[in-house]
Amino acid sequence: MKTRVATKGSTPAVRPSDAAAYLRWARDTHKIDFDRNAGLYGVNINAAFTSVNESAAWPKLLEHLRDAEKGYKAKHSASLYFDKPKLEIYKKSYTSVIDKTFRKNVVLNDNWPRPPKGGWVTPDTLYTAIDDLLRTTVVSQFFDGPKFLLESLKDLCRKLGLSAYSRVHNRTEGYYGHHLYIGFPVRLAATSGKTRAHTLNVEIQMTTVTQDLLRKLTHPYYSEERSSLPDPAGAPWQWENKTNKFRARYLSHTLHLLEALILDVRDHKDGKR
């Protein structure tokens, strides 16, 4: 369903409703051809991947995560992880990149048809506008694990002189997680052919075993929904009990509560805290 938004003049701007319409709009309105830049993105993201993996800081982050088990166990008499943590970096596919620019430029753009805050996300600006082009996940056992890891890693970044910021998510749709974004210096090619210095953020998602499992199961529903324009006439999702949206969201909220209760039982065993 296409939503029309009035603009100056007599002709309204048509808000693209899907990825195909978005790509046409970008070409016709702003002369931006995302399809032509797929190869350039592949070269750049591979170069960034190599730079981060070969940096002096990356193995120190992994070593720190493994050492964090000792401090957590000494404090809580429980293991932080089921398995030893890994920091395997995943590269965002170009299809997912285009989808994210669609969300930033159109779906989440409250200024439409004007540019979103920070300007249009283009093949040249996406490396700074999108902060999860490279990402990894650290999975802990208990409810308090993600926060513990986030604070510990932020402290290490300060000691290493790395730029870092974090976000704590507790979304209405049921997503819970702690994300850390660490900046790494890289050199990337621009559409002009020139190579420029950038600071590329690597996202480290910190979550629990159960939330990670649920995320993998429900991700297809979430991906489809977040790339759709909202329907103002639609019924509140909280009453649509026959939909996957209802099931997935309330299952995630319920799981979050259960994890908190499990933690409470762990910390009150033998009548002690």
C-alpha atoms as a PDB file:
ATOM      1  CA  MET A   1       0.000   0.000   0.000  1.00  0.00           C
ATOM      2  CA  LYS A   2       1.487   3.331  -1.060  1.00  0.00           C
ATOM      3  CA  THR A   3       1.160   6.295   1.226  1.00  0.00           C
ATOM      4  CA  ARG A   4       1.088   9.682  -0.477  1.00  0.00           C
ATOM      5  CA  VAL A   5       2.680  12.620   1.257  1.00  0.00           C
ATOM      6  CA  ALA A   6       2.058  16.143   0.029  1.00  0.00           C
ATOM      7  CA  THR A   7       5.012  18.227  -1.113  1.00  0.00           C
ATOM      8  CA  LYS A   8       5.452  21.722  -2.404  1.00  0.00           C
ATOM      9  CA  GLY A   9       3.685  22.162  -5.700  1.00  0.00           C
ATOM     10  CA  SER A  10       0.756  20.309  -7.134  1.00  0.00           C
ATOM     11  CA  THR A  11       2.327  16.851  -7.474  1.00  0.00           C
ATOM     12  CA  PRO A  12       2.566  14.751  -4.305  1.00  0.00           C
ATOM     13  CA  ALA A  13       5.611  12.567  -3.625  1.00  0.00           C
ATOM     14  CA  VAL A  14       4.890   8.857  -3.652  1.00  0.00           C
ATOM     15  CA  ARG A  15       6.462   7.086  -0.710  1.00  0.00           C
ATOM     16  CA  PRO A  16       8.000   3.811  -1.943  1.00  0.00           C
ATOM     17  CA  SER A  17       6.262   0.847  -0.359  1.00  0.00           C
ATOM     18  CA  ASP A  18       8.814  -1.891  -1.074  1.00  0.00           C
ATOM     19  CA  ALA A  19      12.444  -2.404  -2.054  1.00  0.00           C
ATOM     20  CA  ALA A  20      11.810  -2.456  -5.814  1.00  0.00           C
ATOM     21  CA  ALA A  21       9.878   0.829  -5.710  1.00  0.00           C
ATOM     22  CA  TYR A  22      12.575   2.284  -3.453  1.00  0.00           C
ATOM     23  CA  LEU A  23      15.367   1.469  -5.903  1.00  0.00           C
ATOM     24  CA  ARG A  24      13.402   3.092  -8.745  1.00  0.00           C
ATOM     25  CA  TRP A  25      12.745   6.163  -6.586  1.00  0.00           C
ATOM     26  CA  ALA A  26      16.442   6.473  -5.688  1.00  0.00           C
ATOM     27  CA  ARG A  27      17.457   6.287  -9.366  1.00  0.00           C
ATOM     28  CA  ASP A  28      14.753   8.566 -10.733  1.00  0.00           C
ATOM     29  CA  THR A  29      14.676  11.184  -7.966  1.00  0.00           C
ATOM     30  CA  HIS A  30      18.262  11.323  -6.707  1.00  0.00           C
ATOM     31  CA  LYS A  31      20.287   9.625  -9.471  1.00  0.00           C
ATOM     32  CA  ILE A  32      21.459   7.028  -6.940  1.00  0.00           C
ATOM     33  CA  ASP A  33      21.905   3.566  -8.428  1.00  0.00           C
ATOM     34  CA  PHE A  34      22.388   1.141  -5.558  1.00  0.00           C
ATOM     35  CA  ASP A  35      22.544  -1.879  -7.893  1.00  0.00           C
ATOM     36  CA  ARG A  36      25.604  -0.516  -9.699  1.00  0.00           C
ATOM     37  CA  ASN A  37      27.520  -0.254  -6.434  1.00  0.00           C
ATOM     38  CA  ALA A  38      27.158  -3.871  -5.280  1.00  0.00           C
ATOM     39  CA  GLY A  39      30.692  -4.718  -6.417  1.00  0.00           C
ATOM     40  CA  LEU A  40      32.183  -1.687  -4.702  1.00  0.00           C
ATOM     41  CA  TYR A  41      30.458  -2.619  -1.452  1.00  0.00           C
ATOM     42  CA  GLY A  42      31.854  -6.154  -1.706  1.00  0.00           C
ATOM     43  CA  VAL A  43      35.403  -4.840  -2.081  1.00  0.00           C
ATOM     44  CA  ASN A  44      35.011  -2.396   0.798  1.00  0.00           C
ATOM     45  CA  ILE A  45      33.370  -4.748   3.267  1.00  0.00           C
ATOM     46  CA  ASN A  46      35.994  -7.428   2.614  1.00  0.00           C
ATOM     47  CA  ALA A  47      38.749  -4.874   3.186  1.00  0.00           C
ATOM     48  CA  ALA A  48      37.116  -3.736   6.426  1.00  0.00           C
ATOM     49  CA  PHE A  49      36.643  -7.355   7.550  1.00  0.00           C
ATOM     50  CA  THR A  50      40.354  -8.030   7.051  1.00  0.00           C
ATOM     51  CA  SER A  51      41.410  -4.801   8.781  1.00  0.00           C
ATOM     52  CA  VAL A  52      39.373  -5.573  11.905  1.00  0.00           C
ATOM     53  CA  ASN A  53      40.421  -9.230  12.109  1.00  0.00           C
ATOM     54  CA  GLU A  54      44.089  -8.310  11.718  1.00  0.00           C
ATOM     55  CA  SER A  55      43.964  -5.380  14.150  1.00  0.00           C
ATOM     56  CA  ALA A  56      45.888  -5.537  17.413  1.00  0.00           C
ATOM     57  CA  ALA A  57      42.706  -4.901  19.394  1.00  0.00           C
ATOM     58  CA  TRP A  58      40.485  -7.729  18.112  1.00  0.00           C
ATOM     59  CA  PRO A  59      42.319 -10.659  19.781  1.00  0.00           C
ATOM     60  CA  LYS A  60      42.512  -8.615  22.989  1.00  0.00           C
ATOM     61  CA  LEU A  61      38.722  -8.302  22.997  1.00  0.00           C
ATOM     62  CA  LEU A  62      38.355 -12.071  22.664  1.00  0.00           C
ATOM     63  CA  GLU A  63      40.918 -12.713  25.407  1.00  0.00           C
ATOM     64  CA  HIS A  64      39.068 -10.277  27.658  1.00  0.00           C
ATOM     65  CA  LEU A  65      35.738 -12.038  27.064  1.00  0.00           C
ATOM     66  CA  ARG A  66      37.230 -15.370  28.052  1.00  0.00           C
ATOM     67  CA  ASP A  67      38.847 -13.889  31.159  1.00  0.00           C
ATOM     68  CA  ALA A  68      35.504 -12.331  32.161  1.00  0.00           C
ATOM     69  CA  GLU A  69      34.278 -15.815  33.090  1.00  0.00           C
ATOM     70  CA  LYS A  70      36.529 -15.836  36.150  1.00  0.00           C
ATOM     71  CA  GLY A  71      35.210 -12.563  37.577  1.00  0.00           C
ATOM     72  CA  TYR A  72      31.590 -13.485  36.959  1.00  0.00           C
ATOM     73  CA  LYS A  73      31.971 -16.925  38.524  1.00  0.00           C
ATOM     74  CA  ALA A  74      33.728 -15.515  41.586  1.00  0.00           C
ATOM     75  CA  LYS A  75      30.867 -13.079  42.135  1.00  0.00           C
ATOM     76  CA  HIS A  76      27.861 -15.300  41.349  1.00  0.00           C
ATOM     77  CA  SER A  77      29.124 -18.885  41.763  1.00  0.00           C
ATOM     78  CA  ALA A  78      27.757 -19.569  38.280  1.00  0.00           C
ATOM     79  CA  SER A  79      29.218 -19.818  34.796  1.00  0.00           C
ATOM     80  CA  LEU A  80      28.868 -16.858  32.485  1.00  0.00           C
ATOM     81  CA  TYR A  81      28.820 -19.001  29.321  1.00  0.00           C
ATOM     82  CA  PHE A  82      27.744 -22.462  28.216  1.00  0.00           C
ATOM     83  CA  ASP A  83      30.640 -22.562  25.732  1.00  0.00           C
ATOM     84  CA  LYS A  84      33.766 -20.506  25.282  1.00  0.00           C
ATOM     85  CA  PRO A  85      32.899 -17.228  23.561  1.00  0.00           C
ATOM     86  CA  LYS A  86      33.920 -16.615  19.978  1.00  0.00           C
ATOM     87  CA  LEU A  87      34.125 -13.378  18.041  1.00  0.00           C
ATOM     88  CA  GLU A  88      33.280 -14.531  14.543  1.00  0.00           C
ATOM     89  CA  ILE A  89      32.599 -11.478  12.401  1.00  0.00           C
ATOM     90  CA  TYR A  90      29.675 -11.610   9.980  1.00  0.00           C
ATOM     91  CA  LYS A  91      29.431  -9.298   6.978  1.00  0.00           C
ATOM     92  CA  LYS A  92      26.089  -7.711   6.169  1.00  0.00           C
ATOM     93  CA  SER A  93      24.931  -8.765   2.719  1.00  0.00           C
ATOM     94  CA  TYR A  94      24.347  -6.048   0.150  1.00  0.00           C
ATOM     95  CA  THR A  95      20.674  -7.045  -0.066  1.00  0.00           C
ATOM     96  CA  SER A  96      20.359  -6.375   3.667  1.00  0.00           C
ATOM     97  CA  VAL A  97      22.259  -3.099   3.260  1.00  0.00           C
ATOM     98  CA  ILE A  98      19.794  -1.883   0.621  1.00  0.00           C
ATOM     99  CA  ASP A  99      16.922  -2.909   2.882  1.00  0.00           C
ATOM    100  CA  LYS A 100      18.407  -0.921   5.751  1.00  0.00           C
ATOM    101  CA  THR A 101      18.868   2.186   3.594  1.00  0.00           C
ATOM    102  CA  PHE A 102      15.207   1.783   2.599  1.00  0.00           C
ATOM    103  CA  ARG A 103      14.208   1.782   6.251  1.00  0.00           C
ATOM    104  CA  LYS A 104      16.390   4.766   7.095  1.00  0.00           C
ATOM    105  CA  ASN A 105      15.529   6.828   4.017  1.00  0.00           C
ATOM    106  CA  VAL A 106      11.820   5.967   3.825  1.00  0.00           C
ATOM    107  CA  VAL A 107      10.141   3.765   6.447  1.00  0.00           C
ATOM    108  CA  LEU A 108      11.608   5.473   9.540  1.00  0.00           C
ATOM    109  CA  ASN A 109      12.012   8.888   7.948  1.00  0.00           C
ATOM    110  CA  ASP A 110       9.728  11.274   9.833  1.00  0.00           C
ATOM    111  CA  ASN A 111      10.861  14.117   7.548  1.00  0.00           C
ATOM    112  CA  TRP A 112       9.639  12.457   4.340  1.00  0.00           C
ATOM    113  CA  PRO A 113       9.796  13.539   1.541  1.00  0.00           C
ATOM    114  CA  ARG A 114      12.759  15.534   2.852  1.00  0.00           C
ATOM    115  CA  PRO A 115      15.984  13.750   3.898  1.00  0.00           C
ATOM    116  CA  PRO A 116      16.101  11.999   7.273  1.00  0.00           C
ATOM    117  CA  LYS A 117      18.167  13.449  10.085  1.00  0.00           C
ATOM    118  CA  GLY A 118      21.788  13.189   9.000  1.00  0.00           C
ATOM    119  CA  GLY A 119      20.943  13.231   5.280  1.00  0.00           C
ATOM    120  CA  TRP A 120      20.130  10.584   2.698  1.00  0.00           C
ATOM    121  CA  VAL A 121      21.943   7.281   3.136  1.00  0.00           C
ATOM    122  CA  THR A 122      23.810   6.676  -0.129  1.00  0.00           C
ATOM    123  CA  PRO A 123      26.430   4.197  -1.409  1.00  0.00           C
ATOM    124  CA  ASP A 124      29.096   6.617  -0.114  1.00  0.00           C
ATOM    125  CA  THR A 125      27.603   7.445   3.294  1.00  0.00           C
ATOM    126  CA  LEU A 126      26.289   4.003   4.287  1.00  0.00           C
ATOM    127  CA  TYR A 127      29.613   3.045   5.911  1.00  0.00           C
ATOM    128  CA  THR A 128      29.056   5.618   8.643  1.00  0.00           C
ATOM    129  CA  ALA A 129      25.234   5.725   8.601  1.00  0.00           C
ATOM    130  CA  ILE A 130      24.879   1.961   9.189  1.00  0.00           C
ATOM    131  CA  ASP A 131      26.626   0.662  12.292  1.00  0.00           C
ATOM    132  CA  ASP A 132      26.234  -3.107  11.878  1.00  0.00           C
ATOM    133  CA  LEU A 133      27.896  -3.796   8.522  1.00  0.00           C
ATOM    134  CA  LEU A 134      30.252  -6.015  10.523  1.00  0.00           C
ATOM    135  CA  ARG A 135      28.769  -7.721  13.554  1.00  0.00           C
ATOM    136  CA  THR A 136      29.154 -10.573  15.989  1.00  0.00           C
ATOM    137  CA  THR A 137      27.249 -12.012  18.948  1.00  0.00           C
ATOM    138  CA  VAL A 138      28.299 -13.046  22.446  1.00  0.00           C
ATOM    139  CA  VAL A 139      25.859 -15.376  24.189  1.00  0.00           C
ATOM    140  CA  SER A 140      25.711 -15.744  27.987  1.00  0.00           C
ATOM    141  CA  GLN A 141      23.662 -18.045  30.204  1.00  0.00           C
ATOM    142  CA  PHE A 142      21.808 -15.714  32.525  1.00  0.00           C
ATOM    143  CA  PHE A 143      19.683 -12.556  32.464  1.00  0.00           C
ATOM    144  CA  ASP A 144      22.466 -10.412  33.947  1.00  0.00           C
ATOM    145  CA  GLY A 145      25.166 -11.672  31.568  1.00  0.00           C
ATOM    146  CA  PRO A 146      24.698  -9.160  28.702  1.00  0.00           C
ATOM    147  CA  LYS A 147      24.910  -6.133  31.004  1.00  0.00           C
ATOM    148  CA  PHE A 148      27.976  -7.573  32.768  1.00  0.00           C
ATOM    149  CA  LEU A 149      29.724  -8.134  29.430  1.00  0.00           C
ATOM    150  CA  LEU A 150      28.747  -4.736  28.045  1.00  0.00           C
ATOM    151  CA  GLU A 151      30.227  -2.838  30.998  1.00  0.00           C
ATOM    152  CA  SER A 152      33.335  -5.011  30.986  1.00  0.00           C
ATOM    153  CA  LEU A 153      33.985  -4.497  27.260  1.00  0.00           C
ATOM    154  CA  LYS A 154      33.354  -0.742  27.476  1.00  0.00           C
ATOM    155  CA  ASP A 155      35.991  -0.534  30.194  1.00  0.00           C
ATOM    156  CA  LEU A 156      38.461  -2.448  28.028  1.00  0.00           C
ATOM    157  CA  CYS A 157      37.783  -0.141  25.046  1.00  0.00           C
ATOM    158  CA  ARG A 158      38.615   2.862  27.216  1.00  0.00           C
ATOM    159  CA  LYS A 159      41.909   1.266  28.219  1.00  0.00           C
ATOM    160  CA  LEU A 160      42.750   0.428  24.592  1.00  0.00           C
ATOM    161  CA  GLY A 161      41.825   3.902  23.385  1.00  0.00           C
ATOM    162  CA  LEU A 162      39.042   2.615  21.125  1.00  0.00           C
ATOM    163  CA  SER A 163      35.976   4.712  20.397  1.00  0.00           C
ATOM    164  CA  ALA A 164      32.849   2.901  21.579  1.00  0.00           C
ATOM    165  CA  TYR A 165      29.210   3.526  22.405  1.00  0.00           C
ATOM    166  CA  SER A 166      26.358   1.270  23.425  1.00  0.00           C
ATOM    167  CA  ARG A 167      22.616   0.797  23.139  1.00  0.00           C
ATOM    168  CA  VAL A 168      20.343  -1.167  25.458  1.00  0.00           C
ATOM    169  CA  HIS A 169      17.262  -2.480  23.658  1.00  0.00           C
ATOM    170  CA  ASN A 170      13.896  -3.245  25.226  1.00  0.00           C
ATOM    171  CA  ARG A 171      11.522  -2.847  22.314  1.00  0.00           C
ATOM    172  CA  THR A 172       7.756  -3.100  22.262  1.00  0.00           C
ATOM    173  CA  GLU A 173       8.022  -5.843  19.644  1.00  0.00           C
ATOM    174  CA  GLY A 174       9.900  -7.990  22.168  1.00  0.00           C
ATOM    175  CA  TYR A 175      13.557  -7.528  21.336  1.00  0.00           C
ATOM    176  CA  TYR A 176      15.928  -7.368  24.304  1.00  0.00           C
ATOM    177  CA  GLY A 177      19.677  -6.982  24.054  1.00  0.00           C
ATOM    178  CA  HIS A 178      22.798  -4.999  24.825  1.00  0.00           C
ATOM    179  CA  HIS A 179      24.784  -3.758  21.821  1.00  0.00           C
ATOM    180  CA  LEU A 180      28.303  -2.331  21.799  1.00  0.00           C
ATOM    181  CA  TYR A 181      29.701  -0.458  18.785  1.00  0.00           C
ATOM    182  CA  ILE A 182      33.482  -0.245  18.493  1.00  0.00           C
ATOM    183  CA  GLY A 183      35.130   1.992  15.907  1.00  0.00           C
ATOM    184  CA  PHE A 184      38.015   0.668  13.806  1.00  0.00           C
ATOM    185  CA  PRO A 185      40.087   2.716  11.342  1.00  0.00           C
ATOM    186  CA  VAL A 186      39.743   1.450   7.762  1.00  0.00           C
ATOM    187  CA  ARG A 187      40.371   2.740   4.242  1.00  0.00           C
ATOM    188  CA  LEU A 188      37.487   2.386   1.806  1.00  0.00           C
ATOM    189  CA  ALA A 189      36.945   3.263  -1.836  1.00  0.00           C
ATOM    190  CA  ALA A 190      34.339   5.888  -2.730  1.00  0.00           C
ATOM    191  CA  THR A 191      32.100   5.848  -5.814  1.00  0.00           C
ATOM    192  CA  SER A 192      34.442   8.484  -7.266  1.00  0.00           C
ATOM    193  CA  GLY A 193      37.270   5.945  -7.200  1.00  0.00           C
ATOM    194  CA  LYS A 194      39.201   7.719  -4.449  1.00  0.00           C
ATOM    195  CA  THR A 195      40.196   5.890  -1.266  1.00  0.00           C
ATOM    196  CA  ARG A 196      39.277   7.551   2.019  1.00  0.00           C
ATOM    197  CA  ALA A 197      39.919   6.945   5.709  1.00  0.00           C
ATOM    198  CA  HIS A 198      36.840   5.913   7.707  1.00  0.00           C
ATOM    199  CA  THR A 199      35.984   4.785  11.198  1.00  0.00           C
ATOM    200  CA  LEU A 200      33.816   1.721  10.720  1.00  0.00           C
ATOM    201  CA  ASN A 201      31.772   0.469  13.664  1.00  0.00           C
ATOM    202  CA  VAL A 202      31.670  -3.224  14.509  1.00  0.00           C
ATOM    203  CA  GLU A 203      28.551  -4.269  16.400  1.00  0.00           C
ATOM    204  CA  ILE A 204      28.844  -6.772  19.256  1.00  0.00           C
ATOM    205  CA  GLN A 205      25.432  -8.031  20.313  1.00  0.00           C
ATOM    206  CA  MET A 206      25.216  -9.432  23.826  1.00  0.00           C
ATOM    207  CA  THR A 207      22.266 -11.669  24.571  1.00  0.00           C
ATOM    208  CA  THR A 208      21.262 -14.836  26.429  1.00  0.00           C
ATOM    209  CA  VAL A 209      21.051 -18.389  25.132  1.00  0.00           C
ATOM    210  CA  THR A 210      17.250 -18.450  25.153  1.00  0.00           C
ATOM    211  CA  GLN A 211      16.805 -14.992  23.624  1.00  0.00           C
ATOM    212  CA  ASP A 212      19.336 -15.871  20.933  1.00  0.00           C
ATOM    213  CA  LEU A 213      17.396 -19.027  20.055  1.00  0.00           C
ATOM    214  CA  LEU A 214      14.104 -17.136  19.928  1.00  0.00           C
ATOM    215  CA  ARG A 215      15.641 -14.412  17.763  1.00  0.00           C
ATOM    216  CA  LYS A 216      16.758 -16.975  15.204  1.00  0.00           C
ATOM    217  CA  LEU A 217      13.302 -18.532  15.118  1.00  0.00           C
ATOM    218  CA  THR A 218      11.376 -15.264  14.800  1.00  0.00           C
ATOM    219  CA  HIS A 219      13.788 -13.224  12.665  1.00  0.00           C
ATOM    220  CA  PRO A 220      11.883 -13.877   9.382  1.00  0.00           C
ATOM    221  CA  TYR A 221       8.713 -12.313  10.847  1.00  0.00           C
ATOM    222  CA  TYR A 222      10.629  -9.372  12.272  1.00  0.00           C
ATOM    223  CA  SER A 223      12.539  -8.717   9.032  1.00  0.00           C
ATOM    224  CA  GLU A 224       9.376  -8.646   6.942  1.00  0.00           C
ATOM    225  CA  GLU A 225       7.546  -6.364   9.346  1.00  0.00           C
ATOM    226  CA  ARG A 226      10.278  -3.772   9.907  1.00  0.00           C
ATOM    227  CA  SER A 227      10.632  -3.155   6.159  1.00  0.00           C
ATOM    228  CA  SER A 228       6.938  -2.378   5.708  1.00  0.00           C
ATOM    229  CA  LEU A 229       5.255   0.983   5.960  1.00  0.00           C
ATOM    230  CA  PRO A 230       2.943   1.132   8.999  1.00  0.00           C
ATOM    231  CA  ASP A 231      -0.764   0.778   8.358  1.00  0.00           C
ATOM    232  CA  PRO A 232      -2.521   3.498  10.383  1.00  0.00           C
ATOM    233  CA  ALA A 233      -5.847   1.714   9.948  1.00  0.00           C
ATOM    234  CA  GLY A 234      -4.556  -1.605  11.245  1.00  0.00           C
ATOM    235  CA  ALA A 235      -5.747  -3.136  14.512  1.00  0.00           C
ATOM    236  CA  PRO A 236      -3.373  -2.990  17.509  1.00  0.00           C
ATOM    237  CA  TRP A 237      -1.124  -6.055  17.321  1.00  0.00           C
ATOM    238  CA  GLN A 238      -1.817  -6.842  21.006  1.00  0.00           C
ATOM    239  CA  TRP A 239      -5.285  -8.096  19.985  1.00  0.00           C
ATOM    240  CA  GLU A 240      -4.286 -10.023  16.858  1.00  0.00           C
ATOM    241  CA  ASN A 241      -3.789 -13.329  18.656  1.00  0.00           C
ATOM    242  CA  LYS A 242      -3.916 -15.411  15.473  1.00  0.00           C
ATOM    243  CA  THR A 243      -0.853 -13.715  13.950  1.00  0.00           C
ATOM    244  CA  ASN A 244       2.826 -14.606  14.114  1.00  0.00           C
ATOM    245  CA  LYS A 245       3.488 -11.059  15.263  1.00  0.00           C
ATOM    246  CA  PHE A 246       1.372 -11.579  18.391  1.00  0.00           C
ATOM    247  CA  ARG A 247       2.917 -14.978  19.179  1.00  0.00           C
ATOM    248  CA  ALA A 248       6.526 -13.932  18.621  1.00  0.00           C
ATOM    249  CA  ARG A 249       6.294 -10.680  20.573  1.00  0.00           C
ATOM    250  CA  TYR A 250       4.523 -12.049  23.619  1.00  0.00           C
ATOM    251  CA  LEU A 251       6.734 -15.131  23.657  1.00  0.00           C
ATOM    252  CA  SER A 252       9.779 -12.867  23.802  1.00  0.00           C
ATOM    253  CA  HIS A 253       8.312 -10.716  26.606  1.00  0.00           C
ATOM    254  CA  THR A 254       7.357 -13.850  28.560  1.00  0.00           C
ATOM    255  CA  LEU A 255      10.805 -15.324  28.079  1.00  0.00           C
ATOM    256  CA  HIS A 256      12.372 -12.105  29.376  1.00  0.00           C
ATOM    257  CA  LEU A 257      10.272 -12.401  32.543  1.00  0.00           C
ATOM    258  CA  LEU A 258      11.150 -16.077  32.994  1.00  0.00           C
ATOM    259  CA  GLU A 259      14.865 -15.334  32.656  1.00  0.00           C
ATOM    260  CA  ALA A 260      14.581 -12.705  35.379  1.00  0.00           C
ATOM    261  CA  LEU A 261      12.780 -15.189  37.658  1.00  0.00           C
ATOM    262  CA  ILE A 262      15.429 -17.851  37.014  1.00  0.00           C
ATOM    263  CA  LEU A 263      18.113 -15.336  37.973  1.00  0.00           C
ATOM    264  CA  ASP A 264      16.206 -14.516  41.151  1.00  0.00           C
ATOM    265  CA  VAL A 265      16.057 -18.206  42.072  1.00  0.00           C
ATOM    266  CA  ARG A 266      19.783 -18.583  41.396  1.00  0.00           C
ATOM    267  CA  ASP A 267      20.673 -15.626  43.607  1.00  0.00           C
ATOM    268  CA  HIS A 268      18.364 -16.706  46.447  1.00  0.00           C
ATOM    269  CA  LYS A 269      19.439 -20.340  46.658  1.00  0.00           C
ATOM    270  CA  ASP A 270      19.820 -21.640  50.223  1.00  0.00           C
ATOM    271  CA  GLY A 271      17.968 -18.547  51.440  1.00  0.00           C
ATOM    272  CA  LYS A 272      20.941 -16.313  50.644  1.00  0.00           C
ATOM    273  CA  ARG A 273      21.507 -13.616  48.077  1.00  0.00           C
END
